[in-house]
Amino acid sequence: MEIEDDFLKYEEISRNVRLSVLNMIHKTGSPHIGPCFSIVEILVALYFKSLNASPETTVDPDRDRFILSKGHACPALYAVLSERGFMSREDLKGFAVNGGTLEQHPARDLSRGIEVSTGSLGHGLSVAAGMALAGRVDSKQYRVHVLLSDGELNEGSVWEAVMFAGHHKLDNLTALVDYNRMQALGGTEDILGLEPLGEKWRAFGWHVQEIDGHDFRQIFNALSSLSSEKPNVLILNTVKGKGVSFMENQVLWHYRSPDDEEYEGALKELLQ
């Protein structure tokens, strides 16, 4: 019963995160609501259960690190960091406004829990691999997690980092792939096919798990079943625009910001 209560708690946090994202994006006319909604559950799972990181330990050298490589989805990260206490609700009001506190792509700010500036795709995994190798050299116990988009896997630099991490057996590194099967201009399989995705990571020496990226039970099971001999990748099967019916699996919502009528419709669904 206690475990079920925990799942209800995480689902409630996820709903609050989506509401915050909706409000930030509607208020500022910003894009990328679809890519934000697809990663909510994994961010909640990391920051509310799995990561050894807290608002009190943002500069602790032993803290776990998290990098949002798909930086365009930063409203979701900001909302989770606010729910977790790394930043305030007032900070969220400063998103994407002149003189505000939060940019439309993450800018490194350890005081608010943002480890790395990201934006241009394909860089996050390389930085994460370097952090993981540094941790090993320094005999640190921290883990490094990095969240990539599926479209981002088109970048050659990603596969250089995949090869590097596999070669060095960086078992303190976990890559998380948001596999919603859509990117900016269409379906991933139409633009540059990724399959067989899991086999490709395995070929480079990674431990691969493929799960439902919105199911907390599967997410927690996967995070507690990481290899201690290889770098790990969780391929998260997700839904772009998850949580709002007219946004789900619609590539239109990669860039689009809801107008007033769409905002009210989305708000109604999220509050149900």
Protein backbone atom coordinates (compact mmCIF):
# COMPACT_ATOMS: atom_id res chain seq x y z
CA MET A 1 0.00 0.00 0.00
CA GLU A 2 2.86 2.32 0.84
CA ILE A 3 4.47 1.71 -2.56
CA GLU A 4 1.19 2.45 -4.34
CA ASP A 5 0.92 5.69 -2.36
CA ASP A 6 4.40 6.60 -3.61
CA PHE A 7 3.33 6.08 -7.21
CA LEU A 8 0.29 8.31 -6.67
CA LYS A 9 2.61 10.95 -5.24
CA TYR A 10 4.89 10.83 -8.27
CA GLU A 11 1.91 11.02 -10.63
CA GLU A 12 0.64 14.09 -8.79
CA ILE A 13 4.06 15.73 -9.05
CA SER A 14 4.13 14.93 -12.76
CA ARG A 15 0.77 16.61 -13.25
CA ASN A 16 2.01 19.71 -11.42
CA VAL A 17 5.11 19.76 -13.60
CA ARG A 18 3.03 19.62 -16.78
CA LEU A 19 0.85 22.46 -15.48
CA SER A 20 3.93 24.58 -14.81
CA VAL A 21 5.31 23.83 -18.28
CA LEU A 22 1.98 24.71 -19.89
CA ASN A 23 1.82 28.02 -18.04
CA MET A 24 5.43 28.97 -18.79
CA ILE A 25 5.12 28.19 -22.48
CA HIS A 26 1.71 29.79 -22.97
CA LYS A 27 2.70 32.96 -21.11
CA THR A 28 5.84 33.48 -23.20
CA GLY A 29 4.77 31.99 -26.52
CA SER A 30 7.72 29.62 -26.33
CA PRO A 31 8.00 26.41 -28.37
CA HIS A 32 8.76 22.78 -27.44
CA ILE A 33 5.84 21.81 -25.25
CA GLY A 34 5.67 18.37 -26.88
CA PRO A 35 9.31 17.47 -26.09
CA CYS A 36 8.80 18.73 -22.54
CA PHE A 37 5.76 16.58 -21.84
CA SER A 38 7.47 13.37 -23.04
CA ILE A 39 10.21 13.51 -20.38
CA VAL A 40 8.27 14.47 -17.26
CA GLU A 41 8.12 11.05 -15.59
CA ILE A 42 11.83 10.26 -15.99
CA LEU A 43 12.78 13.67 -14.55
CA VAL A 44 10.44 13.19 -11.60
CA ALA A 45 11.82 9.69 -11.00
CA LEU A 46 15.39 10.95 -11.03
CA TYR A 47 14.96 14.03 -8.85
CA PHE A 48 12.47 12.61 -6.35
CA LYS A 49 13.98 9.16 -5.84
CA SER A 50 17.09 8.12 -7.73
CA LEU A 51 19.62 10.95 -7.84
CA ASN A 52 21.93 11.59 -4.93
CA ALA A 53 21.39 15.32 -5.30
CA SER A 54 19.45 17.90 -3.32
CA PRO A 55 19.07 21.69 -3.02
CA GLU A 56 21.45 21.52 -0.05
CA THR A 57 24.24 19.76 -2.00
CA THR A 58 24.40 21.58 -5.35
CA VAL A 59 28.19 22.03 -5.15
CA ASP A 60 29.01 18.87 -3.19
CA PRO A 61 31.74 17.10 -5.22
CA ASP A 62 30.09 13.75 -4.45
CA ARG A 63 26.64 14.68 -5.81
CA ASP A 64 25.19 12.81 -8.76
CA ARG A 65 25.19 14.80 -11.99
CA PHE A 66 22.33 15.23 -14.48
CA ILE A 67 22.64 16.77 -17.94
CA LEU A 68 19.65 17.66 -20.12
CA SER A 69 21.26 17.22 -23.52
CA LYS A 70 17.96 18.02 -25.30
CA GLY A 71 18.15 21.50 -23.84
CA HIS A 72 15.14 22.78 -25.77
CA ALA A 73 12.96 20.86 -23.28
CA CYS A 74 14.30 22.86 -20.34
CA PRO A 75 10.88 24.11 -19.11
CA ALA A 76 10.29 20.54 -17.89
CA LEU A 77 13.63 20.53 -16.08
CA TYR A 78 12.94 23.95 -14.53
CA ALA A 79 9.51 22.81 -13.34
CA VAL A 80 10.94 19.65 -11.73
CA LEU A 81 13.76 21.59 -10.09
CA SER A 82 11.16 23.99 -8.70
CA GLU A 83 8.99 21.16 -7.36
CA ARG A 84 12.12 19.65 -5.75
CA GLY A 85 13.18 22.95 -4.18
CA PHE A 86 16.27 23.76 -6.25
CA MET A 87 14.58 26.94 -7.47
CA SER A 88 11.52 28.93 -6.49
CA ARG A 89 8.14 29.42 -8.12
CA GLU A 90 9.23 33.03 -8.58
CA ASP A 91 12.19 31.82 -10.64
CA LEU A 92 9.78 30.13 -13.05
CA LYS A 93 8.09 33.50 -13.66
CA GLY A 94 11.44 34.67 -15.03
CA PHE A 95 11.46 32.10 -17.83
CA ALA A 96 12.07 33.52 -21.32
CA VAL A 97 11.38 37.15 -20.45
CA ASN A 98 13.64 40.18 -20.67
CA GLY A 99 15.63 40.49 -17.47
CA GLY A 100 14.37 37.11 -16.32
CA THR A 101 16.13 34.30 -14.50
CA LEU A 102 15.77 31.34 -16.85
CA GLU A 103 16.70 31.11 -20.51
CA GLN A 104 15.04 29.08 -23.25
CA HIS A 105 17.97 26.67 -23.08
CA PRO A 106 19.70 25.73 -19.83
CA ALA A 107 22.59 27.90 -18.69
CA ARG A 108 24.95 26.40 -16.08
CA ASP A 109 23.86 27.55 -12.63
CA LEU A 110 24.77 25.17 -9.83
CA SER A 111 22.86 27.26 -7.30
CA ARG A 112 19.68 26.20 -9.13
CA GLY A 113 20.84 22.66 -9.89
CA ILE A 114 21.72 23.18 -13.57
CA GLU A 115 24.96 21.31 -14.20
CA VAL A 116 25.74 22.11 -17.83
CA SER A 117 24.71 24.66 -20.46
CA THR A 118 23.09 22.84 -23.37
CA GLY A 119 21.36 23.78 -26.58
CA SER A 120 23.14 22.56 -29.66
CA LEU A 121 22.28 18.89 -29.87
CA GLY A 122 24.83 16.11 -29.68
CA HIS A 123 27.08 17.50 -26.94
CA GLY A 124 25.56 16.25 -23.71
CA LEU A 125 26.74 12.66 -23.86
CA SER A 126 30.34 13.71 -24.55
CA VAL A 127 30.32 15.99 -21.50
CA ALA A 128 28.69 13.28 -19.41
CA ALA A 129 31.31 10.73 -20.47
CA GLY A 130 34.06 13.14 -19.47
CA MET A 131 32.42 13.68 -16.07
CA ALA A 132 32.10 9.95 -15.58
CA LEU A 133 35.75 9.31 -16.47
CA ALA A 134 36.82 12.15 -14.15
CA GLY A 135 34.81 10.60 -11.34
CA ARG A 136 36.60 7.29 -11.84
CA VAL A 137 40.03 8.95 -11.93
CA ASP A 138 39.21 10.84 -8.71
CA SER A 139 37.80 7.68 -7.05
CA LYS A 140 34.41 9.35 -6.62
CA GLN A 141 31.21 7.38 -6.22
CA TYR A 142 28.87 9.76 -8.03
CA ARG A 143 26.87 8.73 -11.08
CA VAL A 144 26.27 10.78 -14.23
CA HIS A 145 22.92 10.73 -16.04
CA VAL A 146 22.29 12.37 -19.39
CA LEU A 147 18.97 12.67 -21.22
CA LEU A 148 19.04 12.72 -25.03
CA SER A 149 16.30 13.06 -27.61
CA ASP A 150 15.85 10.42 -30.30
CA GLY A 151 16.32 12.98 -33.07
CA GLU A 152 19.56 13.99 -31.38
CA LEU A 153 20.94 10.53 -32.15
CA ASN A 154 21.34 11.74 -35.74
CA GLU A 155 24.42 13.65 -34.55
CA GLY A 156 27.72 11.90 -35.20
CA SER A 157 29.24 13.26 -31.99
CA VAL A 158 26.74 11.17 -30.00
CA TRP A 159 28.16 7.97 -31.46
CA GLU A 160 31.73 9.05 -30.80
CA ALA A 161 30.76 9.39 -27.13
CA VAL A 162 28.91 6.06 -27.19
CA MET A 163 32.05 4.38 -28.51
CA PHE A 164 34.27 6.20 -25.98
CA ALA A 165 32.10 5.23 -22.99
CA GLY A 166 31.88 1.62 -24.12
CA HIS A 167 35.64 1.39 -24.62
CA HIS A 168 36.33 2.72 -21.11
CA LYS A 169 33.49 0.67 -19.56
CA LEU A 170 32.10 3.75 -17.80
CA ASP A 171 29.72 1.91 -15.48
CA ASN A 172 28.98 5.15 -13.58
CA LEU A 173 27.32 6.64 -16.69
CA THR A 174 23.63 6.28 -17.63
CA ALA A 175 22.21 7.60 -20.89
CA LEU A 176 18.44 8.08 -21.13
CA VAL A 177 16.94 8.25 -24.63
CA ASP A 178 13.57 9.97 -25.00
CA TYR A 179 12.27 7.72 -27.79
CA ASN A 180 9.00 9.41 -28.78
CA ARG A 181 9.76 8.60 -32.43
CA MET A 182 9.27 12.19 -33.58
CA GLN A 183 11.70 15.01 -34.20
CA ALA A 184 11.31 18.56 -35.39
CA LEU A 185 10.23 17.87 -38.96
CA GLY A 186 8.67 14.40 -38.84
CA GLY A 187 9.00 10.82 -37.71
CA THR A 188 12.46 9.58 -36.78
CA GLU A 189 12.13 6.54 -39.02
CA ASP A 190 11.15 8.76 -41.97
CA ILE A 191 14.00 11.24 -41.53
CA LEU A 192 16.91 9.03 -40.47
CA GLY A 193 15.99 5.60 -39.15
CA LEU A 194 17.29 4.54 -35.74
CA GLU A 195 16.33 0.88 -35.63
CA PRO A 196 17.54 -1.52 -34.40
CA LEU A 197 18.33 1.07 -31.72
CA GLY A 198 19.05 -1.24 -28.79
CA GLU A 199 21.32 -3.46 -30.87
CA LYS A 200 23.37 -0.45 -31.91
CA TRP A 201 24.10 0.54 -28.29
CA ARG A 202 24.88 -3.09 -27.39
CA ALA A 203 27.36 -3.27 -30.25
CA PHE A 204 29.33 -0.46 -28.57
CA GLY A 205 29.46 -2.29 -25.24
CA TRP A 206 26.51 -0.77 -23.40
CA HIS A 207 23.98 -2.45 -21.12
CA VAL A 208 20.57 -1.73 -22.68
CA GLN A 209 17.09 -1.68 -21.15
CA GLU A 210 14.02 -0.63 -23.12
CA ILE A 211 10.99 0.45 -21.07
CA ASP A 212 7.81 2.53 -21.01
CA GLY A 213 9.09 6.01 -20.19
CA HIS A 214 5.83 7.03 -18.50
CA ASP A 215 5.52 4.00 -16.18
CA PHE A 216 7.11 4.74 -12.81
CA ARG A 217 7.26 1.07 -11.88
CA GLN A 218 9.30 0.22 -15.00
CA ILE A 219 11.47 3.31 -14.60
CA PHE A 220 12.39 2.52 -10.98
CA ASN A 221 13.00 -1.16 -11.78
CA ALA A 222 15.35 -0.16 -14.60
CA LEU A 223 17.25 2.39 -12.50
CA SER A 224 17.76 -0.21 -9.80
CA SER A 225 18.99 -2.81 -12.31
CA LEU A 226 21.93 -0.96 -13.81
CA SER A 227 25.03 -2.83 -14.88
CA SER A 228 28.09 -2.45 -12.66
CA GLU A 229 30.39 -3.45 -15.51
CA LYS A 230 29.24 -1.38 -18.50
CA PRO A 231 27.77 2.04 -19.28
CA ASN A 232 23.98 1.89 -19.17
CA VAL A 233 21.33 3.18 -21.52
CA LEU A 234 17.60 3.27 -20.87
CA ILE A 235 15.59 3.57 -24.08
CA LEU A 236 12.39 5.25 -22.90
CA ASN A 237 9.38 4.65 -25.13
CA THR A 238 7.46 7.88 -24.70
CA VAL A 239 4.65 9.91 -26.24
CA LYS A 240 5.34 13.37 -27.58
CA GLY A 241 2.90 15.78 -25.94
CA LYS A 242 1.99 13.18 -23.27
CA GLY A 243 -0.91 14.26 -21.05
CA VAL A 244 -2.91 16.43 -23.46
CA SER A 245 -4.89 14.43 -26.00
CA PHE A 246 -4.71 16.88 -28.92
CA MET A 247 -0.94 17.27 -28.50
CA GLU A 248 -0.06 13.57 -28.21
CA ASN A 249 1.91 12.08 -31.14
CA GLN A 250 1.53 15.28 -33.16
CA VAL A 251 4.77 16.60 -34.61
CA LEU A 252 3.08 20.03 -34.86
CA TRP A 253 3.59 20.40 -31.09
CA HIS A 254 7.35 20.14 -31.30
CA TYR A 255 7.47 23.87 -31.96
CA ARG A 256 3.95 25.16 -31.44
CA SER A 257 2.83 27.21 -28.45
CA PRO A 258 -0.86 26.92 -27.48
CA ASP A 259 -3.14 29.85 -28.20
CA ASP A 260 -5.65 30.92 -25.56
CA GLU A 261 -8.31 28.39 -26.58
CA GLU A 262 -5.79 25.54 -26.76
CA TYR A 263 -4.36 26.61 -23.42
CA GLU A 264 -7.77 26.36 -21.79
CA GLY A 265 -8.34 22.94 -23.36
CA ALA A 266 -4.98 21.64 -22.17
CA LEU A 267 -5.52 23.09 -18.70
CA LYS A 268 -8.89 21.36 -18.44
CA GLU A 269 -7.40 17.98 -19.35
CA LEU A 270 -4.47 18.28 -16.95
CA LEU A 271 -6.76 19.29 -14.09
CA GLN A 272 -9.13 16.36 -14.56
